[in-house]
Structure formats: structure tokens, C-alpha cells
């Protein structure tokens, strides 16, 4: 699984460094280092007024914040890896 976090100026200002940190900690917590590749990406092209844009494989998710991160990670990372 490849997870790209937008680090373009808009997402950077909306917290992408914090989201990257949460992703790194979650990948370590669930011991997914061999299953997940984390990368940064300049503008994914789906800017949102709130939160950060993240692409998980081919799926783009907008509006990711510290408050909804756990739900995002459970639904879009953990569940998808269970299916593989």
C-alpha cells in the first residue's frame, strides 16, 4: 500500500506535518512497516477548505484532520490491508 500525503503549501498550512507524524506513529503501532510506504506529494489536485489531502493507492481522501485521523486510518488503511 502506498500512502501519499500532500505537502503542498495549502495542505502544509492545514497540518500536513502533523498528519505525517500521526501516520508514522500509526504504521509503527500496528507494525505495518513492511506493508505501507509513506511518501509526500506536492499538490494532489483536490484541495479542500479543511484538512489535508491523502492518497491511499488510487483513492483520494480530503479533509483529513487530527480529529478524524483515527477513523480515516481504520477505514482506509487497516480495513484495506485486512482484505489483502
PDB file of N, CA and C in Angstrom:
ATOM      1  N   UNK A   1       0.851  -1.173   0.000  1.00  0.00           N
ATOM      2  CA  UNK A   1       0.000   0.000   0.000  1.00  0.00           C
ATOM      3  C   UNK A   1       0.896   1.235   0.000  1.00  0.00           C
ATOM      4  N   UNK A   2       0.549   2.183  -0.845  1.00  0.00           N
ATOM      5  CA  UNK A   2       1.282   3.446  -0.906  1.00  0.00           C
ATOM      6  C   UNK A   2       0.368   4.564  -0.414  1.00  0.00           C
ATOM      7  N   UNK A   3       0.836   5.293   0.587  1.00  0.00           N
ATOM      8  CA  UNK A   3       0.092   6.412   1.142  1.00  0.00           C
ATOM      9  C   UNK A   3       0.879   7.682   0.849  1.00  0.00           C
ATOM     10  N   UNK A   4       0.258   8.575   0.093  1.00  0.00           N
ATOM     11  CA  UNK A   4       0.878   9.857  -0.239  1.00  0.00           C
ATOM     12  C   UNK A   4       0.151  10.968   0.500  1.00  0.00           C
ATOM     13  N   UNK A   5       0.918  11.774   1.222  1.00  0.00           N
ATOM     14  CA  UNK A   5       0.350  12.906   1.940  1.00  0.00           C
ATOM     15  C   UNK A   5       0.737  14.172   1.195  1.00  0.00           C
ATOM     16  N   UNK A   6      -0.254  14.992   0.884  1.00  0.00           N
ATOM     17  CA  UNK A   6       0.031  16.256   0.220  1.00  0.00           C
ATOM     18  C   UNK A   6       0.811  17.149   1.177  1.00  0.00           C
ATOM     19  N   UNK A   7       1.945  17.660   0.714  1.00  0.00           N
ATOM     20  CA  UNK A   7       2.730  18.593   1.499  1.00  0.00           C
ATOM     21  C   UNK A   7       2.852  19.928   0.754  1.00  0.00           C
ATOM     22  N   UNK A   8       1.947  20.141  -0.212  1.00  0.00           N
ATOM     23  CA  UNK A   8       1.892  21.424  -0.907  1.00  0.00           C
ATOM     24  C   UNK A   8       1.533  22.519   0.078  1.00  0.00           C
ATOM     25  N   UNK A   9       1.661  23.759  -0.338  1.00  0.00           N
ATOM     26  CA  UNK A   9       1.513  24.884   0.592  1.00  0.00           C
ATOM     27  C   UNK A   9       0.162  24.908   1.311  1.00  0.00           C
ATOM     28  N   UNK A  10      -0.921  24.638   0.611  1.00  0.00           N
ATOM     29  CA  UNK A  10      -2.241  24.678   1.236  1.00  0.00           C
ATOM     30  C   UNK A  10      -2.370  23.604   2.318  1.00  0.00           C
ATOM     31  N   UNK A  11      -2.033  22.372   1.995  1.00  0.00           N
ATOM     32  CA  UNK A  11      -2.130  21.284   2.979  1.00  0.00           C
ATOM     33  C   UNK A  11      -1.101  21.450   4.096  1.00  0.00           C
ATOM     34  N   UNK A  12       0.059  21.981   3.749  1.00  0.00           N
ATOM     35  CA  UNK A  12       1.078  22.218   4.775  1.00  0.00           C
ATOM     36  C   UNK A  12       0.528  23.156   5.846  1.00  0.00           C
ATOM     37  N   UNK A  13      -0.119  24.212   5.404  1.00  0.00           N
ATOM     38  CA  UNK A  13      -0.685  25.175   6.344  1.00  0.00           C
ATOM     39  C   UNK A  13      -1.850  24.590   7.145  1.00  0.00           C
ATOM     40  N   UNK A  14      -2.508  23.568   6.590  1.00  0.00           N
ATOM     41  CA  UNK A  14      -3.650  22.939   7.268  1.00  0.00           C
ATOM     42  C   UNK A  14      -3.231  21.745   8.124  1.00  0.00           C
ATOM     43  N   UNK A  15      -1.909  21.493   8.222  1.00  0.00           N
ATOM     44  CA  UNK A  15      -1.459  20.476   9.175  1.00  0.00           C
ATOM     45  C   UNK A  15      -0.821  19.228   8.611  1.00  0.00           C
ATOM     46  N   UNK A  16      -0.361  19.240   7.370  1.00  0.00           N
ATOM     47  CA  UNK A  16       0.221  18.001   6.838  1.00  0.00           C
ATOM     48  C   UNK A  16       1.416  17.492   7.654  1.00  0.00           C
ATOM     49  N   UNK A  17       2.276  18.350   8.235  1.00  0.00           N
ATOM     50  CA  UNK A  17       3.352  17.786   9.060  1.00  0.00           C
ATOM     51  C   UNK A  17       2.816  16.961  10.232  1.00  0.00           C
ATOM     52  N   UNK A  18       1.750  17.418  10.841  1.00  0.00           N
ATOM     53  CA  UNK A  18       1.146  16.692  11.960  1.00  0.00           C
ATOM     54  C   UNK A  18       0.509  15.377  11.483  1.00  0.00           C
ATOM     55  N   UNK A  19      -0.128  15.396  10.319  1.00  0.00           N
ATOM     56  CA  UNK A  19      -0.738  14.182   9.773  1.00  0.00           C
ATOM     57  C   UNK A  19       0.338  13.163   9.416  1.00  0.00           C
ATOM     58  N   UNK A  20       1.453  13.632   8.857  1.00  0.00           N
ATOM     59  CA  UNK A  20       2.576  12.733   8.549  1.00  0.00           C
ATOM     60  C   UNK A  20       3.059  12.063   9.823  1.00  0.00           C
ATOM     61  N   UNK A  21       3.186  12.831  10.893  1.00  0.00           N
ATOM     62  CA  UNK A  21       3.623  12.276  12.173  1.00  0.00           C
ATOM     63  C   UNK A  21       2.629  11.239  12.696  1.00  0.00           C
ATOM     64  N   UNK A  22       1.334  11.540  12.604  1.00  0.00           N
ATOM     65  CA  UNK A  22       0.312  10.576  13.040  1.00  0.00           C
ATOM     66  C   UNK A  22       0.378   9.295  12.207  1.00  0.00           C
ATOM     67  N   UNK A  23       0.585   9.432  10.903  1.00  0.00           N
ATOM     68  CA  UNK A  23       0.706   8.252  10.040  1.00  0.00           C
ATOM     69  C   UNK A  23       1.924   7.415  10.423  1.00  0.00           C
ATOM     70  N   UNK A  24       3.048   8.063  10.637  1.00  0.00           N
ATOM     71  CA  UNK A  24       4.267   7.334  11.004  1.00  0.00           C
ATOM     72  C   UNK A  24       4.061   6.565  12.303  1.00  0.00           C
ATOM     73  N   UNK A  25       3.476   7.223  13.294  1.00  0.00           N
ATOM     74  CA  UNK A  25       3.232   6.568  14.583  1.00  0.00           C
ATOM     75  C   UNK A  25       2.253   5.407  14.445  1.00  0.00           C
ATOM     76  N   UNK A  26       1.208   5.577  13.636  1.00  0.00           N
ATOM     77  CA  UNK A  26       0.212   4.518  13.458  1.00  0.00           C
ATOM     78  C   UNK A  26       0.801   3.322  12.715  1.00  0.00           C
ATOM     79  N   UNK A  27       1.611   3.580  11.707  1.00  0.00           N
ATOM     80  CA  UNK A  27       2.264   2.489  10.974  1.00  0.00           C
ATOM     81  C   UNK A  27       3.159   1.694  11.927  1.00  0.00           C
ATOM     82  N   UNK A  28       3.889   2.387  12.779  1.00  0.00           N
ATOM     83  CA  UNK A  28       4.730   1.703  13.768  1.00  0.00           C
ATOM     84  C   UNK A  28       3.885   0.949  14.789  1.00  0.00           C
ATOM     85  N   UNK A  29       2.839   1.596  15.290  1.00  0.00           N
ATOM     86  CA  UNK A  29       1.967   1.000  16.309  1.00  0.00           C
ATOM     87  C   UNK A  29       1.370  -0.324  15.823  1.00  0.00           C
ATOM     88  N   UNK A  30       0.930  -0.356  14.576  1.00  0.00           N
ATOM     89  CA  UNK A  30       0.310  -1.569  14.022  1.00  0.00           C
ATOM     90  C   UNK A  30       1.306  -2.467  13.296  1.00  0.00           C
ATOM     91  N   UNK A  31       2.600  -2.100  13.376  1.00  0.00           N
ATOM     92  CA  UNK A  31       3.678  -2.887  12.767  1.00  0.00           C
ATOM     93  C   UNK A  31       3.438  -3.147  11.279  1.00  0.00           C
ATOM     94  N   UNK A  32       3.161  -2.066  10.559  1.00  0.00           N
ATOM     95  CA  UNK A  32       2.849  -2.145   9.129  1.00  0.00           C
ATOM     96  C   UNK A  32       4.010  -1.693   8.251  1.00  0.00           C
ATOM     97  N   UNK A  33       5.207  -1.588   8.812  1.00  0.00           N
ATOM     98  CA  UNK A  33       6.345  -1.065   8.069  1.00  0.00           C
ATOM     99  C   UNK A  33       6.605  -1.816   6.766  1.00  0.00           C
ATOM    100  N   UNK A  34       6.318  -3.114   6.739  1.00  0.00           N
ATOM    101  CA  UNK A  34       6.566  -3.920   5.537  1.00  0.00           C
ATOM    102  C   UNK A  34       5.399  -3.900   4.550  1.00  0.00           C
ATOM    103  N   UNK A  35       4.275  -3.295   4.954  1.00  0.00           N
ATOM    104  CA  UNK A  35       3.090  -3.293   4.099  1.00  0.00           C
ATOM    105  C   UNK A  35       2.722  -1.914   3.573  1.00  0.00           C
ATOM    106  N   UNK A  36       3.247  -0.867   4.224  1.00  0.00           N
ATOM    107  CA  UNK A  36       2.865   0.504   3.882  1.00  0.00           C
ATOM    108  C   UNK A  36       4.108   1.319   3.530  1.00  0.00           C
ATOM    109  N   UNK A  37       4.013   2.058   2.433  1.00  0.00           N
ATOM    110  CA  UNK A  37       5.048   3.018   2.060  1.00  0.00           C
ATOM    111  C   UNK A  37       4.455   4.406   2.196  1.00  0.00           C
ATOM    112  N   UNK A  38       5.072   5.239   3.025  1.00  0.00           N
ATOM    113  CA  UNK A  38       4.619   6.614   3.218  1.00  0.00           C
ATOM    114  C   UNK A  38       5.464   7.545   2.356  1.00  0.00           C
ATOM    115  N   UNK A  39       4.804   8.411   1.615  1.00  0.00           N
ATOM    116  CA  UNK A  39       5.525   9.396   0.802  1.00  0.00           C
ATOM    117  C   UNK A  39       4.828  10.745   0.907  1.00  0.00           C
ATOM    118  N   UNK A  40       5.567  11.760   0.570  1.00  0.00           N
ATOM    119  CA  UNK A  40       4.997  13.088   0.463  1.00  0.00           C
ATOM    120  C   UNK A  40       4.721  13.375  -0.999  1.00  0.00           C
ATOM    121  N   UNK A  41       3.797  14.252  -1.259  1.00  0.00           N
ATOM    122  CA  UNK A  41       3.460  14.612  -2.627  1.00  0.00           C
ATOM    123  C   UNK A  41       3.088  16.081  -2.670  1.00  0.00           C
ATOM    124  N   UNK A  42       3.534  16.765  -3.710  1.00  0.00           N
ATOM    125  CA  UNK A  42       3.050  18.131  -3.886  1.00  0.00           C
ATOM    126  C   UNK A  42       1.661  18.032  -4.470  1.00  0.00           C
ATOM    127  N   UNK A  43       0.930  19.059  -4.419  1.00  0.00           N
ATOM    128  CA  UNK A  43      -0.497  19.111  -4.704  1.00  0.00           C
ATOM    129  C   UNK A  43      -1.059  17.912  -5.472  1.00  0.00           C
ATOM    130  N   UNK A  44      -2.004  17.242  -4.841  1.00  0.00           N
ATOM    131  CA  UNK A  44      -2.696  16.097  -5.441  1.00  0.00           C
ATOM    132  C   UNK A  44      -3.843  16.601  -6.312  1.00  0.00           C
ATOM    133  N   UNK A  45      -4.200  17.876  -6.161  1.00  0.00           N
ATOM    134  CA  UNK A  45      -5.210  18.488  -7.015  1.00  0.00           C
ATOM    135  C   UNK A  45      -6.624  18.426  -6.483  1.00  0.00           C
ATOM    136  N   UNK A  46      -6.788  18.098  -5.227  1.00  0.00           N
ATOM    137  CA  UNK A  46      -8.123  18.018  -4.623  1.00  0.00           C
ATOM    138  C   UNK A  46      -8.173  18.841  -3.348  1.00  0.00           C
ATOM    139  N   UNK A  47      -7.674  20.071  -3.410  1.00  0.00           N
ATOM    140  CA  UNK A  47      -7.616  20.925  -2.222  1.00  0.00           C
ATOM    141  C   UNK A  47      -9.000  21.077  -1.596  1.00  0.00           C
ATOM    142  N   UNK A  48      -9.014  21.163  -0.289  1.00  0.00           N
ATOM    143  CA  UNK A  48     -10.239  21.276   0.469  1.00  0.00           C
ATOM    144  C   UNK A  48     -10.090  22.434   1.439  1.00  0.00           C
ATOM    145  N   UNK A  49     -11.173  23.010   1.875  1.00  0.00           N
ATOM    146  CA  UNK A  49     -11.091  24.132   2.817  1.00  0.00           C
ATOM    147  C   UNK A  49     -10.575  23.707   4.185  1.00  0.00           C
ATOM    148  N   UNK A  50     -10.797  22.452   4.535  1.00  0.00           N
ATOM    149  CA  UNK A  50     -10.412  21.951   5.848  1.00  0.00           C
ATOM    150  C   UNK A  50      -9.549  20.710   5.667  1.00  0.00           C
ATOM    151  N   UNK A  51      -8.487  20.619   6.419  1.00  0.00           N
ATOM    152  CA  UNK A  51      -7.694  19.402   6.474  1.00  0.00           C
ATOM    153  C   UNK A  51      -6.781  19.169   5.291  1.00  0.00           C
ATOM    154  N   UNK A  52      -6.188  17.984   5.313  1.00  0.00           N
ATOM    155  CA  UNK A  52      -5.127  17.575   4.408  1.00  0.00           C
ATOM    156  C   UNK A  52      -5.657  16.541   3.421  1.00  0.00           C
ATOM    157  N   UNK A  53      -5.094  16.521   2.222  1.00  0.00           N
ATOM    158  CA  UNK A  53      -5.458  15.533   1.215  1.00  0.00           C
ATOM    159  C   UNK A  53      -4.454  14.386   1.267  1.00  0.00           C
ATOM    160  N   UNK A  54      -4.978  13.161   1.266  1.00  0.00           N
ATOM    161  CA  UNK A  54      -4.151  11.955   1.313  1.00  0.00           C
ATOM    162  C   UNK A  54      -4.619  11.008   0.225  1.00  0.00           C
ATOM    163  N   UNK A  55      -3.660  10.420  -0.472  1.00  0.00           N
ATOM    164  CA  UNK A  55      -3.987   9.405  -1.472  1.00  0.00           C
ATOM    165  C   UNK A  55      -3.510   8.053  -0.961  1.00  0.00           C
ATOM    166  N   UNK A  56      -4.434   7.095  -0.894  1.00  0.00           N
ATOM    167  CA  UNK A  56      -4.123   5.730  -0.478  1.00  0.00           C
ATOM    168  C   UNK A  56      -4.290   4.873  -1.719  1.00  0.00           C
ATOM    169  N   UNK A  57      -3.168   4.375  -2.240  1.00  0.00           N
ATOM    170  CA  UNK A  57      -3.147   3.713  -3.539  1.00  0.00           C
ATOM    171  C   UNK A  57      -3.820   4.633  -4.559  1.00  0.00           C
ATOM    172  N   UNK A  58      -4.963   4.261  -5.128  1.00  0.00           N
ATOM    173  CA  UNK A  58      -5.608   5.103  -6.140  1.00  0.00           C
ATOM    174  C   UNK A  58      -6.747   5.960  -5.588  1.00  0.00           C
ATOM    175  N   UNK A  59      -7.037   5.841  -4.301  1.00  0.00           N
ATOM    176  CA  UNK A  59      -8.158   6.559  -3.695  1.00  0.00           C
ATOM    177  C   UNK A  59      -7.701   7.854  -3.025  1.00  0.00           C
ATOM    178  N   UNK A  60      -8.370   8.954  -3.345  1.00  0.00           N
ATOM    179  CA  UNK A  60      -8.024  10.250  -2.783  1.00  0.00           C
ATOM    180  C   UNK A  60      -9.025  10.613  -1.687  1.00  0.00           C
ATOM    181  N   UNK A  61      -8.493  11.049  -0.543  1.00  0.00           N
ATOM    182  CA  UNK A  61      -9.305  11.424   0.610  1.00  0.00           C
ATOM    183  C   UNK A  61      -8.964  12.860   0.986  1.00  0.00           C
ATOM    184  N   UNK A  62      -9.976  13.677   1.172  1.00  0.00           N
ATOM    185  CA  UNK A  62      -9.765  15.083   1.509  1.00  0.00           C
ATOM    186  C   UNK A  62     -10.276  15.380   2.909  1.00  0.00           C
ATOM    187  N   UNK A  63      -9.764  16.466   3.483  1.00  0.00           N
ATOM    188  CA  UNK A  63     -10.272  16.921   4.776  1.00  0.00           C
ATOM    189  C   UNK A  63      -9.794  16.109   5.965  1.00  0.00           C
ATOM    190  N   UNK A  64      -8.613  15.504   5.865  1.00  0.00           N
ATOM    191  CA  UNK A  64      -8.111  14.708   6.985  1.00  0.00           C
ATOM    192  C   UNK A  64      -7.489  15.653   8.017  1.00  0.00           C
ATOM    193  N   UNK A  65      -7.981  15.528   9.248  1.00  0.00           N
ATOM    194  CA  UNK A  65      -7.515  16.365  10.354  1.00  0.00           C
ATOM    195  C   UNK A  65      -7.097  15.480  11.521  1.00  0.00           C
ATOM    196  N   UNK A  66      -6.497  16.107  12.513  1.00  0.00           N
ATOM    197  CA  UNK A  66      -6.128  15.370  13.725  1.00  0.00           C
ATOM    198  C   UNK A  66      -7.372  14.709  14.337  1.00  0.00           C
ATOM    199  N   UNK A  67      -8.504  15.418  14.277  1.00  0.00           N
ATOM    200  CA  UNK A  67      -9.736  14.925  14.902  1.00  0.00           C
ATOM    201  C   UNK A  67     -10.322  13.708  14.191  1.00  0.00           C
ATOM    202  N   UNK A  68     -10.209  13.622  12.877  1.00  0.00           N
ATOM    203  CA  UNK A  68     -10.800  12.469  12.175  1.00  0.00           C
ATOM    204  C   UNK A  68      -9.749  11.473  11.687  1.00  0.00           C
ATOM    205  N   UNK A  69      -8.500  11.654  12.124  1.00  0.00           N
ATOM    206  CA  UNK A  69      -7.421  10.792  11.643  1.00  0.00           C
ATOM    207  C   UNK A  69      -7.637   9.320  11.985  1.00  0.00           C
ATOM    208  N   UNK A  70      -7.976   9.030  13.219  1.00  0.00           N
ATOM    209  CA  UNK A  70      -8.134   7.613  13.654  1.00  0.00           C
ATOM    210  C   UNK A  70      -9.184   6.897  12.799  1.00  0.00           C
ATOM    211  N   UNK A  71     -10.295   7.560  12.568  1.00  0.00           N
ATOM    212  CA  UNK A  71     -11.354   6.973  11.741  1.00  0.00           C
ATOM    213  C   UNK A  71     -10.851   6.758  10.309  1.00  0.00           C
ATOM    214  N   UNK A  72     -10.171   7.758   9.761  1.00  0.00           N
ATOM    215  CA  UNK A  72      -9.598   7.635   8.423  1.00  0.00           C
ATOM    216  C   UNK A  72      -8.646   6.446   8.357  1.00  0.00           C
ATOM    217  N   UNK A  73      -7.749   6.319   9.316  1.00  0.00           N
ATOM    218  CA  UNK A  73      -6.746   5.254   9.301  1.00  0.00           C
ATOM    219  C   UNK A  73      -7.405   3.879   9.411  1.00  0.00           C
ATOM    220  N   UNK A  74      -8.381   3.764  10.298  1.00  0.00           N
ATOM    221  CA  UNK A  74      -9.076   2.480  10.479  1.00  0.00           C
ATOM    222  C   UNK A  74      -9.808   2.062   9.204  1.00  0.00           C
ATOM    223  N   UNK A  75     -10.529   3.000   8.596  1.00  0.00           N
ATOM    224  CA  UNK A  75     -11.343   2.687   7.412  1.00  0.00           C
ATOM    225  C   UNK A  75     -10.515   2.490   6.143  1.00  0.00           C
ATOM    226  N   UNK A  76      -9.501   3.313   5.947  1.00  0.00           N
ATOM    227  CA  UNK A  76      -8.827   3.362   4.655  1.00  0.00           C
ATOM    228  C   UNK A  76      -7.453   2.709   4.617  1.00  0.00           C
ATOM    229  N   UNK A  77      -6.952   2.336   5.783  1.00  0.00           N
ATOM    230  CA  UNK A  77      -5.675   1.631   5.815  1.00  0.00           C
ATOM    231  C   UNK A  77      -5.870   0.244   6.419  1.00  0.00           C
ATOM    232  N   UNK A  78      -6.283   0.183   7.673  1.00  0.00           N
ATOM    233  CA  UNK A  78      -6.404  -1.113   8.348  1.00  0.00           C
ATOM    234  C   UNK A  78      -7.390  -2.043   7.659  1.00  0.00           C
ATOM    235  N   UNK A  79      -8.586  -1.554   7.325  1.00  0.00           N
ATOM    236  CA  UNK A  79      -9.588  -2.419   6.674  1.00  0.00           C
ATOM    237  C   UNK A  79      -9.110  -2.907   5.311  1.00  0.00           C
ATOM    238  N   UNK A  80      -8.465  -2.036   4.541  1.00  0.00           N
ATOM    239  CA  UNK A  80      -7.988  -2.431   3.209  1.00  0.00           C
ATOM    240  C   UNK A  80      -6.876  -3.473   3.324  1.00  0.00           C
ATOM    241  N   UNK A  81      -6.019  -3.343   4.328  1.00  0.00           N
ATOM    242  CA  UNK A  81      -4.946  -4.319   4.486  1.00  0.00           C
ATOM    243  C   UNK A  81      -5.494  -5.669   4.959  1.00  0.00           C
ATOM    244  N   UNK A  82      -6.588  -5.659   5.723  1.00  0.00           N
ATOM    245  CA  UNK A  82      -7.214  -6.915   6.158  1.00  0.00           C
ATOM    246  C   UNK A  82      -7.733  -7.723   4.972  1.00  0.00           C
ATOM    247  N   UNK A  83      -8.203  -7.012   3.937  1.00  0.00           N
ATOM    248  CA  UNK A  83      -8.790  -7.677   2.763  1.00  0.00           C
ATOM    249  C   UNK A  83      -7.738  -8.352   1.887  1.00  0.00           C
ATOM    250  N   UNK A  84      -6.494  -7.914   2.011  1.00  0.00           N
ATOM    251  CA  UNK A  84      -5.453  -8.466   1.134  1.00  0.00           C
ATOM    252  C   UNK A  84      -5.031  -9.847   1.558  1.00  0.00           C
TER     253      UNK A  84
END
